[in-house]
Amino acid sequence: MSDVSKDTDSAGLAAFYAYLEDGQLVMEPYCSCGNPLDENYNCDKCDKHCRCTDILCEDQATLNLVEKYVRTSPKLRNFNAMLGKRKSTTTEGPA
């Protein structure tokens, strides 16, 4: 069962960041340093291999959908879903 009582930010947490885009669930893996992970869950910035079992959901609608998948999918049963914000990465220079 997932942990819906946690409302957190992503400081120190390698996690999937989940949001809805055109009604579809999108989950992107991020390192605890805030850098996106590659397809093998490796971070180019801090050279770590991350294991993401937490899912930070952008809003309540996303959390509800992720909770449904966590409850019904054996592959996701060890994941924890919670409301949370993606850690922003600092970029140098003008945006």
PDB file of N, CA and C in Angstrom:
ATOM      1  N   MET A   1       0.848  -1.175   0.000  1.00  0.00           N
ATOM      2  CA  MET A   1       0.000   0.000   0.000  1.00  0.00           C
ATOM      3  C   MET A   1       0.889   1.231   0.000  1.00  0.00           C
ATOM      4  N   SER A   2       0.472   2.273  -0.655  1.00  0.00           N
ATOM      5  CA  SER A   2       1.287   3.466  -0.767  1.00  0.00           C
ATOM      6  C   SER A   2       1.060   4.404   0.407  1.00  0.00           C
ATOM      7  N   ASP A   3       1.952   5.334   0.533  1.00  0.00           N
ATOM      8  CA  ASP A   3       1.932   6.237   1.675  1.00  0.00           C
ATOM      9  C   ASP A   3       1.353   7.580   1.264  1.00  0.00           C
ATOM     10  N   VAL A   4       0.045   7.737   1.345  1.00  0.00           N
ATOM     11  CA  VAL A   4      -0.604   8.974   0.922  1.00  0.00           C
ATOM     12  C   VAL A   4      -0.561  10.039   1.995  1.00  0.00           C
ATOM     13  N   SER A   5      -0.149   9.708   3.191  1.00  0.00           N
ATOM     14  CA  SER A   5      -0.128  10.697   4.258  1.00  0.00           C
ATOM     15  C   SER A   5       1.109  11.589   4.171  1.00  0.00           C
ATOM     16  N   LYS A   6       2.090  11.210   3.382  1.00  0.00           N
ATOM     17  CA  LYS A   6       3.293  12.010   3.226  1.00  0.00           C
ATOM     18  C   LYS A   6       3.069  13.090   2.190  1.00  0.00           C
ATOM     19  N   ASP A   7       3.324  14.342   2.557  1.00  0.00           N
ATOM     20  CA  ASP A   7       3.358  15.440   1.598  1.00  0.00           C
ATOM     21  C   ASP A   7       4.769  15.981   1.687  1.00  0.00           C
ATOM     22  N   THR A   8       5.536  15.842   0.629  1.00  0.00           N
ATOM     23  CA  THR A   8       6.962  16.112   0.746  1.00  0.00           C
ATOM     24  C   THR A   8       7.483  16.859  -0.462  1.00  0.00           C
ATOM     25  N   ASP A   9       8.682  17.381  -0.334  1.00  0.00           N
ATOM     26  CA  ASP A   9       9.398  17.842  -1.504  1.00  0.00           C
ATOM     27  C   ASP A   9      10.424  16.775  -1.818  1.00  0.00           C
ATOM     28  N   SER A  10      11.185  16.957  -2.871  1.00  0.00           N
ATOM     29  CA  SER A  10      12.052  15.875  -3.309  1.00  0.00           C
ATOM     30  C   SER A  10      13.478  15.991  -2.783  1.00  0.00           C
ATOM     31  N   ALA A  11      13.718  16.824  -1.786  1.00  0.00           N
ATOM     32  CA  ALA A  11      15.064  16.968  -1.245  1.00  0.00           C
ATOM     33  C   ALA A  11      15.550  15.624  -0.717  1.00  0.00           C
ATOM     34  N   GLY A  12      16.668  15.142  -1.264  1.00  0.00           N
ATOM     35  CA  GLY A  12      17.241  13.893  -0.807  1.00  0.00           C
ATOM     36  C   GLY A  12      16.510  12.650  -1.274  1.00  0.00           C
ATOM     37  N   LEU A  13      15.629  12.773  -2.242  1.00  0.00           N
ATOM     38  CA  LEU A  13      14.793  11.656  -2.633  1.00  0.00           C
ATOM     39  C   LEU A  13      14.929  11.383  -4.127  1.00  0.00           C
ATOM     40  N   ALA A  14      15.470  10.208  -4.493  1.00  0.00           N
ATOM     41  CA  ALA A  14      15.442   9.786  -5.887  1.00  0.00           C
ATOM     42  C   ALA A  14      14.048   9.227  -6.115  1.00  0.00           C
ATOM     43  N   ALA A  15      13.351   9.758  -7.096  1.00  0.00           N
ATOM     44  CA  ALA A  15      11.945   9.398  -7.246  1.00  0.00           C
ATOM     45  C   ALA A  15      11.469   9.639  -8.662  1.00  0.00           C
ATOM     46  N   PHE A  16      10.323   9.047  -8.954  1.00  0.00           N
ATOM     47  CA  PHE A  16       9.614   9.397 -10.176  1.00  0.00           C
ATOM     48  C   PHE A  16       8.793  10.642  -9.886  1.00  0.00           C
ATOM     49  N   TYR A  17       8.757  11.568 -10.833  1.00  0.00           N
ATOM     50  CA  TYR A  17       7.871  12.711 -10.741  1.00  0.00           C
ATOM     51  C   TYR A  17       6.714  12.421 -11.690  1.00  0.00           C
ATOM     52  N   ALA A  18       5.497  12.387 -11.161  1.00  0.00           N
ATOM     53  CA  ALA A  18       4.330  12.004 -11.957  1.00  0.00           C
ATOM     54  C   ALA A  18       3.409  13.192 -12.159  1.00  0.00           C
ATOM     55  N   TYR A  19       2.882  13.292 -13.377  1.00  0.00           N
ATOM     56  CA  TYR A  19       1.915  14.333 -13.708  1.00  0.00           C
ATOM     57  C   TYR A  19       1.040  13.837 -14.849  1.00  0.00           C
ATOM     58  N   LEU A  20      -0.073  14.523 -15.056  1.00  0.00           N
ATOM     59  CA  LEU A  20      -0.972  14.183 -16.155  1.00  0.00           C
ATOM     60  C   LEU A  20      -0.733  15.137 -17.312  1.00  0.00           C
ATOM     61  N   GLU A  21      -0.626  14.563 -18.505  1.00  0.00           N
ATOM     62  CA  GLU A  21      -0.455  15.361 -19.715  1.00  0.00           C
ATOM     63  C   GLU A  21      -1.470  14.872 -20.731  1.00  0.00           C
ATOM     64  N   ASP A  22      -2.408  15.730 -21.078  1.00  0.00           N
ATOM     65  CA  ASP A  22      -3.505  15.362 -21.986  1.00  0.00           C
ATOM     66  C   ASP A  22      -4.240  14.116 -21.497  1.00  0.00           C
ATOM     67  N   GLY A  23      -4.440  14.024 -20.181  1.00  0.00           N
ATOM     68  CA  GLY A  23      -5.176  12.909 -19.599  1.00  0.00           C
ATOM     69  C   GLY A  23      -4.373  11.633 -19.423  1.00  0.00           C
ATOM     70  N   GLN A  24      -3.106  11.641 -19.826  1.00  0.00           N
ATOM     71  CA  GLN A  24      -2.245  10.458 -19.719  1.00  0.00           C
ATOM     72  C   GLN A  24      -1.242  10.646 -18.587  1.00  0.00           C
ATOM     73  N   LEU A  25      -0.962   9.566 -17.861  1.00  0.00           N
ATOM     74  CA  LEU A  25       0.011   9.610 -16.779  1.00  0.00           C
ATOM     75  C   LEU A  25       1.421   9.594 -17.356  1.00  0.00           C
ATOM     76  N   VAL A  26       2.236  10.536 -16.902  1.00  0.00           N
ATOM     77  CA  VAL A  26       3.641  10.607 -17.284  1.00  0.00           C
ATOM     78  C   VAL A  26       4.458  10.498 -16.002  1.00  0.00           C
ATOM     79  N   MET A  27       5.467   9.613 -16.010  1.00  0.00           N
ATOM     80  CA  MET A  27       6.343   9.456 -14.850  1.00  0.00           C
ATOM     81  C   MET A  27       7.787   9.575 -15.322  1.00  0.00           C
ATOM     82  N   GLU A  28       8.503  10.557 -14.754  1.00  0.00           N
ATOM     83  CA  GLU A  28       9.895  10.796 -15.131  1.00  0.00           C
ATOM     84  C   GLU A  28      10.794  10.561 -13.921  1.00  0.00           C
ATOM     85  N   PRO A  29      11.869   9.766 -14.074  1.00  0.00           N
ATOM     86  CA  PRO A  29      12.758   9.501 -12.945  1.00  0.00           C
ATOM     87  C   PRO A  29      13.746  10.656 -12.720  1.00  0.00           C
ATOM     88  N   TYR A  30      13.920  11.024 -11.443  1.00  0.00           N
ATOM     89  CA  TYR A  30      14.845  12.088 -11.063  1.00  0.00           C
ATOM     90  C   TYR A  30      15.732  11.624  -9.920  1.00  0.00           C
ATOM     91  N   CYS A  31      16.992  12.044  -9.962  1.00  0.00           N
ATOM     92  CA  CYS A  31      17.954  11.780  -8.902  1.00  0.00           C
ATOM     93  C   CYS A  31      17.655  12.701  -7.708  1.00  0.00           C
ATOM     94  N   SER A  32      18.193  12.360  -6.546  1.00  0.00           N
ATOM     95  CA  SER A  32      18.011  13.218  -5.374  1.00  0.00           C
ATOM     96  C   SER A  32      18.672  14.578  -5.560  1.00  0.00           C
ATOM     97  N   CYS A  33      19.624  14.697  -6.493  1.00  0.00           N
ATOM     98  CA  CYS A  33      20.263  15.988  -6.762  1.00  0.00           C
ATOM     99  C   CYS A  33      19.391  16.865  -7.660  1.00  0.00           C
ATOM    100  N   GLY A  34      18.288  16.304  -8.183  1.00  0.00           N
ATOM    101  CA  GLY A  34      17.379  17.068  -9.029  1.00  0.00           C
ATOM    102  C   GLY A  34      17.578  16.850 -10.513  1.00  0.00           C
ATOM    103  N   ASN A  35      18.588  16.103 -10.888  1.00  0.00           N
ATOM    104  CA  ASN A  35      18.885  15.849 -12.293  1.00  0.00           C
ATOM    105  C   ASN A  35      18.022  14.706 -12.835  1.00  0.00           C
ATOM    106  N   PRO A  36      17.530  14.827 -14.074  1.00  0.00           N
ATOM    107  CA  PRO A  36      16.798  13.697 -14.671  1.00  0.00           C
ATOM    108  C   PRO A  36      17.732  12.493 -14.829  1.00  0.00           C
ATOM    109  N   LEU A  37      17.170  11.304 -14.653  1.00  0.00           N
ATOM    110  CA  LEU A  37      17.951  10.076 -14.808  1.00  0.00           C
ATOM    111  C   LEU A  37      17.829   9.547 -16.224  1.00  0.00           C
ATOM    112  N   ASP A  38      18.847   8.825 -16.682  1.00  0.00           N
ATOM    113  CA  ASP A  38      18.772   8.212 -18.002  1.00  0.00           C
ATOM    114  C   ASP A  38      17.925   6.931 -17.929  1.00  0.00           C
ATOM    115  N   GLU A  39      17.819   6.220 -19.030  1.00  0.00           N
ATOM    116  CA  GLU A  39      16.951   5.039 -19.093  1.00  0.00           C
ATOM    117  C   GLU A  39      17.411   3.909 -18.178  1.00  0.00           C
ATOM    118  N   ASN A  40      18.665   3.965 -17.713  1.00  0.00           N
ATOM    119  CA  ASN A  40      19.187   2.962 -16.777  1.00  0.00           C
ATOM    120  C   ASN A  40      19.214   3.476 -15.339  1.00  0.00           C
ATOM    121  N   TYR A  41      18.576   4.607 -15.093  1.00  0.00           N
ATOM    122  CA  TYR A  41      18.491   5.243 -13.776  1.00  0.00           C
ATOM    123  C   TYR A  41      19.845   5.702 -13.254  1.00  0.00           C
ATOM    124  N   ASN A  42      20.716   6.124 -14.178  1.00  0.00           N
ATOM    125  CA  ASN A  42      22.015   6.686 -13.804  1.00  0.00           C
ATOM    126  C   ASN A  42      21.943   8.198 -13.917  1.00  0.00           C
ATOM    127  N   CYS A  43      22.611   8.878 -12.983  1.00  0.00           N
ATOM    128  CA  CYS A  43      22.654  10.333 -12.976  1.00  0.00           C
ATOM    129  C   CYS A  43      23.970  10.808 -13.578  1.00  0.00           C
ATOM    130  N   ASP A  44      23.882  11.621 -14.626  1.00  0.00           N
ATOM    131  CA  ASP A  44      25.080  12.158 -15.269  1.00  0.00           C
ATOM    132  C   ASP A  44      25.741  13.232 -14.411  1.00  0.00           C
ATOM    133  N   LYS A  45      24.957  13.894 -13.567  1.00  0.00           N
ATOM    134  CA  LYS A  45      25.477  15.005 -12.768  1.00  0.00           C
ATOM    135  C   LYS A  45      26.312  14.521 -11.577  1.00  0.00           C
ATOM    136  N   CYS A  46      25.781  13.572 -10.797  1.00  0.00           N
ATOM    137  CA  CYS A  46      26.510  13.129  -9.593  1.00  0.00           C
ATOM    138  C   CYS A  46      27.028  11.693  -9.708  1.00  0.00           C
ATOM    139  N   ASP A  47      26.867  11.092 -10.888  1.00  0.00           N
ATOM    140  CA  ASP A  47      27.421   9.766 -11.178  1.00  0.00           C
ATOM    141  C   ASP A  47      26.907   8.682 -10.233  1.00  0.00           C
ATOM    142  N   LYS A  48      25.611   8.773  -9.896  1.00  0.00           N
ATOM    143  CA  LYS A  48      24.977   7.790  -9.028  1.00  0.00           C
ATOM    144  C   LYS A  48      24.044   6.907  -9.838  1.00  0.00           C
ATOM    145  N   HIS A  49      23.865   5.673  -9.382  1.00  0.00           N
ATOM    146  CA  HIS A  49      22.815   4.811  -9.917  1.00  0.00           C
ATOM    147  C   HIS A  49      21.687   4.848  -8.891  1.00  0.00           C
ATOM    148  N   CYS A  50      20.523   5.298  -9.307  1.00  0.00           N
ATOM    149  CA  CYS A  50      19.411   5.503  -8.380  1.00  0.00           C
ATOM    150  C   CYS A  50      18.377   4.385  -8.495  1.00  0.00           C
ATOM    151  N   ARG A  51      17.761   4.107  -7.385  1.00  0.00           N
ATOM    152  CA  ARG A  51      16.656   3.156  -7.349  1.00  0.00           C
ATOM    153  C   ARG A  51      15.432   3.925  -6.891  1.00  0.00           C
ATOM    154  N   CYS A  52      14.524   4.160  -7.793  1.00  0.00           N
ATOM    155  CA  CYS A  52      13.341   4.965  -7.504  1.00  0.00           C
ATOM    156  C   CYS A  52      12.175   4.061  -7.112  1.00  0.00           C
ATOM    157  N   THR A  53      11.726   4.174  -5.876  1.00  0.00           N
ATOM    158  CA  THR A  53      10.535   3.443  -5.444  1.00  0.00           C
ATOM    159  C   THR A  53       9.476   4.404  -4.907  1.00  0.00           C
ATOM    160  N   ASP A  54       9.775   5.697  -4.938  1.00  0.00           N
ATOM    161  CA  ASP A  54       8.810   6.711  -4.523  1.00  0.00           C
ATOM    162  C   ASP A  54       8.318   7.445  -5.757  1.00  0.00           C
ATOM    163  N   ILE A  55       7.061   7.834  -5.711  1.00  0.00           N
ATOM    164  CA  ILE A  55       6.451   8.556  -6.817  1.00  0.00           C
ATOM    165  C   ILE A  55       5.877   9.849  -6.262  1.00  0.00           C
ATOM    166  N   LEU A  56       6.473  10.976  -6.663  1.00  0.00           N
ATOM    167  CA  LEU A  56       5.990  12.286  -6.249  1.00  0.00           C
ATOM    168  C   LEU A  56       4.949  12.752  -7.259  1.00  0.00           C
ATOM    169  N   CYS A  57       3.754  12.984  -6.794  1.00  0.00           N
ATOM    170  CA  CYS A  57       2.646  13.352  -7.671  1.00  0.00           C
ATOM    171  C   CYS A  57       2.396  14.849  -7.620  1.00  0.00           C
ATOM    172  N   GLU A  58       2.239  15.430  -8.797  1.00  0.00           N
ATOM    173  CA  GLU A  58       2.086  16.868  -8.948  1.00  0.00           C
ATOM    174  C   GLU A  58       0.837  17.413  -8.256  1.00  0.00           C
ATOM    175  N   ASP A  59      -0.255  16.651  -8.294  1.00  0.00           N
ATOM    176  CA  ASP A  59      -1.507  17.129  -7.719  1.00  0.00           C
ATOM    177  C   ASP A  59      -2.362  15.937  -7.278  1.00  0.00           C
ATOM    178  N   GLN A  60      -3.507  16.231  -6.685  1.00  0.00           N
ATOM    179  CA  GLN A  60      -4.359  15.183  -6.142  1.00  0.00           C
ATOM    180  C   GLN A  60      -4.889  14.248  -7.221  1.00  0.00           C
ATOM    181  N   ALA A  61      -5.228  14.777  -8.390  1.00  0.00           N
ATOM    182  CA  ALA A  61      -5.734  13.929  -9.480  1.00  0.00           C
ATOM    183  C   ALA A  61      -4.677  12.912  -9.913  1.00  0.00           C
ATOM    184  N   THR A  62      -3.441  13.359 -10.003  1.00  0.00           N
ATOM    185  CA  THR A  62      -2.347  12.452 -10.357  1.00  0.00           C
ATOM    186  C   THR A  62      -2.141  11.419  -9.261  1.00  0.00           C
ATOM    187  N   LEU A  63      -2.159  11.858  -8.018  1.00  0.00           N
ATOM    188  CA  LEU A  63      -1.994  10.939  -6.890  1.00  0.00           C
ATOM    189  C   LEU A  63      -3.088   9.875  -6.903  1.00  0.00           C
ATOM    190  N   ASN A  64      -4.320  10.268  -7.159  1.00  0.00           N
ATOM    191  CA  ASN A  64      -5.418   9.296  -7.195  1.00  0.00           C
ATOM    192  C   ASN A  64      -5.173   8.223  -8.247  1.00  0.00           C
ATOM    193  N   LEU A  65      -4.722   8.621  -9.422  1.00  0.00           N
ATOM    194  CA  LEU A  65      -4.460   7.658 -10.494  1.00  0.00           C
ATOM    195  C   LEU A  65      -3.276   6.755 -10.142  1.00  0.00           C
ATOM    196  N   VAL A  66      -2.207   7.333  -9.625  1.00  0.00           N
ATOM    197  CA  VAL A  66      -1.036   6.541  -9.243  1.00  0.00           C
ATOM    198  C   VAL A  66      -1.406   5.565  -8.135  1.00  0.00           C
ATOM    199  N   GLU A  67      -2.190   6.019  -7.159  1.00  0.00           N
ATOM    200  CA  GLU A  67      -2.647   5.140  -6.078  1.00  0.00           C
ATOM    201  C   GLU A  67      -3.401   3.936  -6.642  1.00  0.00           C
ATOM    202  N   LYS A  68      -4.221   4.159  -7.637  1.00  0.00           N
ATOM    203  CA  LYS A  68      -4.972   3.069  -8.265  1.00  0.00           C
ATOM    204  C   LYS A  68      -4.004   2.044  -8.876  1.00  0.00           C
ATOM    205  N   TYR A  69      -2.993   2.530  -9.592  1.00  0.00           N
ATOM    206  CA  TYR A  69      -2.014   1.630 -10.200  1.00  0.00           C
ATOM    207  C   TYR A  69      -1.201   0.884  -9.146  1.00  0.00           C
ATOM    208  N   VAL A  70      -0.822   1.561  -8.071  1.00  0.00           N
ATOM    209  CA  VAL A  70      -0.052   0.919  -7.006  1.00  0.00           C
ATOM    210  C   VAL A  70      -0.863  -0.205  -6.365  1.00  0.00           C
ATOM    211  N   ARG A  71      -2.166   0.037  -6.170  1.00  0.00           N
ATOM    212  CA  ARG A  71      -3.024  -0.986  -5.557  1.00  0.00           C
ATOM    213  C   ARG A  71      -3.282  -2.163  -6.480  1.00  0.00           C
ATOM    214  N   THR A  72      -3.348  -1.936  -7.784  1.00  0.00           N
ATOM    215  CA  THR A  72      -3.782  -2.991  -8.696  1.00  0.00           C
ATOM    216  C   THR A  72      -2.660  -3.677  -9.469  1.00  0.00           C
ATOM    217  N   SER A  73      -1.466  -3.118  -9.490  1.00  0.00           N
ATOM    218  CA  SER A  73      -0.376  -3.709 -10.260  1.00  0.00           C
ATOM    219  C   SER A  73       0.654  -4.371  -9.348  1.00  0.00           C
ATOM    220  N   PRO A  74       0.875  -5.673  -9.502  1.00  0.00           N
ATOM    221  CA  PRO A  74       1.900  -6.356  -8.705  1.00  0.00           C
ATOM    222  C   PRO A  74       3.292  -5.742  -8.892  1.00  0.00           C
ATOM    223  N   LYS A  75       3.574  -5.212 -10.073  1.00  0.00           N
ATOM    224  CA  LYS A  75       4.883  -4.614 -10.331  1.00  0.00           C
ATOM    225  C   LYS A  75       5.096  -3.318  -9.557  1.00  0.00           C
ATOM    226  N   LEU A  76       4.019  -2.671  -9.138  1.00  0.00           N
ATOM    227  CA  LEU A  76       4.135  -1.390  -8.436  1.00  0.00           C
ATOM    228  C   LEU A  76       3.835  -1.480  -6.946  1.00  0.00           C
ATOM    229  N   ARG A  77       3.575  -2.668  -6.440  1.00  0.00           N
ATOM    230  CA  ARG A  77       3.123  -2.777  -5.051  1.00  0.00           C
ATOM    231  C   ARG A  77       4.143  -2.307  -4.016  1.00  0.00           C
ATOM    232  N   ASN A  78       5.415  -2.262  -4.356  1.00  0.00           N
ATOM    233  CA  ASN A  78       6.436  -1.792  -3.415  1.00  0.00           C
ATOM    234  C   ASN A  78       6.753  -0.301  -3.568  1.00  0.00           C
ATOM    235  N   PHE A  79       5.957   0.392  -4.382  1.00  0.00           N
ATOM    236  CA  PHE A  79       6.163   1.816  -4.585  1.00  0.00           C
ATOM    237  C   PHE A  79       5.329   2.615  -3.593  1.00  0.00           C
ATOM    238  N   ASN A  80       5.808   3.807  -3.257  1.00  0.00           N
ATOM    239  CA  ASN A  80       5.091   4.727  -2.378  1.00  0.00           C
ATOM    240  C   ASN A  80       4.711   5.961  -3.174  1.00  0.00           C
ATOM    241  N   ALA A  81       3.449   6.316  -3.148  1.00  0.00           N
ATOM    242  CA  ALA A  81       2.977   7.513  -3.846  1.00  0.00           C
ATOM    243  C   ALA A  81       2.673   8.594  -2.827  1.00  0.00           C
ATOM    244  N   MET A  82       3.004   9.832  -3.193  1.00  0.00           N
ATOM    245  CA  MET A  82       2.769  10.963  -2.300  1.00  0.00           C
ATOM    246  C   MET A  82       2.701  12.249  -3.107  1.00  0.00           C
ATOM    247  N   LEU A  83       2.068  13.253  -2.537  1.00  0.00           N
ATOM    248  CA  LEU A  83       2.088  14.568  -3.157  1.00  0.00           C
ATOM    249  C   LEU A  83       3.474  15.148  -2.957  1.00  0.00           C
ATOM    250  N   GLY A  84       3.985  15.813  -3.961  1.00  0.00           N
ATOM    251  CA  GLY A  84       5.307  16.406  -3.826  1.00  0.00           C
ATOM    252  C   GLY A  84       5.682  17.214  -5.038  1.00  0.00           C
ATOM    253  N   LYS A  85       6.697  18.011  -4.886  1.00  0.00           N
ATOM    254  CA  LYS A  85       7.187  18.873  -5.961  1.00  0.00           C
ATOM    255  C   LYS A  85       8.510  18.336  -6.479  1.00  0.00           C
ATOM    256  N   ARG A  86       8.699  18.507  -7.770  1.00  0.00           N
ATOM    257  CA  ARG A  86       9.973  18.131  -8.377  1.00  0.00           C
ATOM    258  C   ARG A  86      11.026  19.125  -7.918  1.00  0.00           C
ATOM    259  N   LYS A  87      12.195  18.633  -7.554  1.00  0.00           N
ATOM    260  CA  LYS A  87      13.284  19.501  -7.143  1.00  0.00           C
ATOM    261  C   LYS A  87      13.771  20.266  -8.362  1.00  0.00           C
ATOM    262  N   SER A  88      13.844  21.579  -8.254  1.00  0.00           N
ATOM    263  CA  SER A  88      14.283  22.373  -9.397  1.00  0.00           C
ATOM    264  C   SER A  88      15.787  22.324  -9.494  1.00  0.00           C
ATOM    265  N   THR A  89      16.269  22.231 -10.716  1.00  0.00           N
ATOM    266  CA  THR A  89      17.719  22.251 -10.936  1.00  0.00           C
ATOM    267  C   THR A  89      18.103  23.672 -11.272  1.00  0.00           C
ATOM    268  N   THR A  90      19.265  24.082 -10.828  1.00  0.00           N
ATOM    269  CA  THR A  90      19.719  25.432 -11.102  1.00  0.00           C
ATOM    270  C   THR A  90      20.418  25.439 -12.443  1.00  0.00           C
ATOM    271  N   THR A  91      20.042  26.381 -13.263  1.00  0.00           N
ATOM    272  CA  THR A  91      20.692  26.503 -14.560  1.00  0.00           C
ATOM    273  C   THR A  91      21.461  27.808 -14.585  1.00  0.00           C
ATOM    274  N   GLU A  92      22.564  27.803 -15.283  1.00  0.00           N
ATOM    275  CA  GLU A  92      23.369  29.011 -15.378  1.00  0.00           C
ATOM    276  C   GLU A  92      23.043  29.711 -16.670  1.00  0.00           C
ATOM    277  N   GLY A  93      23.090  31.038 -16.627  1.00  0.00           N
ATOM    278  CA  GLY A  93      22.826  31.826 -17.829  1.00  0.00           C
ATOM    279  C   GLY A  93      21.352  32.130 -17.974  1.00  0.00           C
ATOM    280  N   PRO A  94      20.990  32.895 -18.995  1.00  0.00           N
ATOM    281  CA  PRO A  94      19.591  33.279 -19.201  1.00  0.00           C
ATOM    282  C   PRO A  94      18.739  32.091 -19.633  1.00  0.00           C
ATOM    283  N   ALA A  95      17.491  32.129 -19.259  1.00  0.00           N
ATOM    284  CA  ALA A  95      16.578  31.024 -19.566  1.00  0.00           C
ATOM    285  C   ALA A  95      16.054  31.071 -20.968  1.00  0.00           C
TER     286      ALA A  95
END
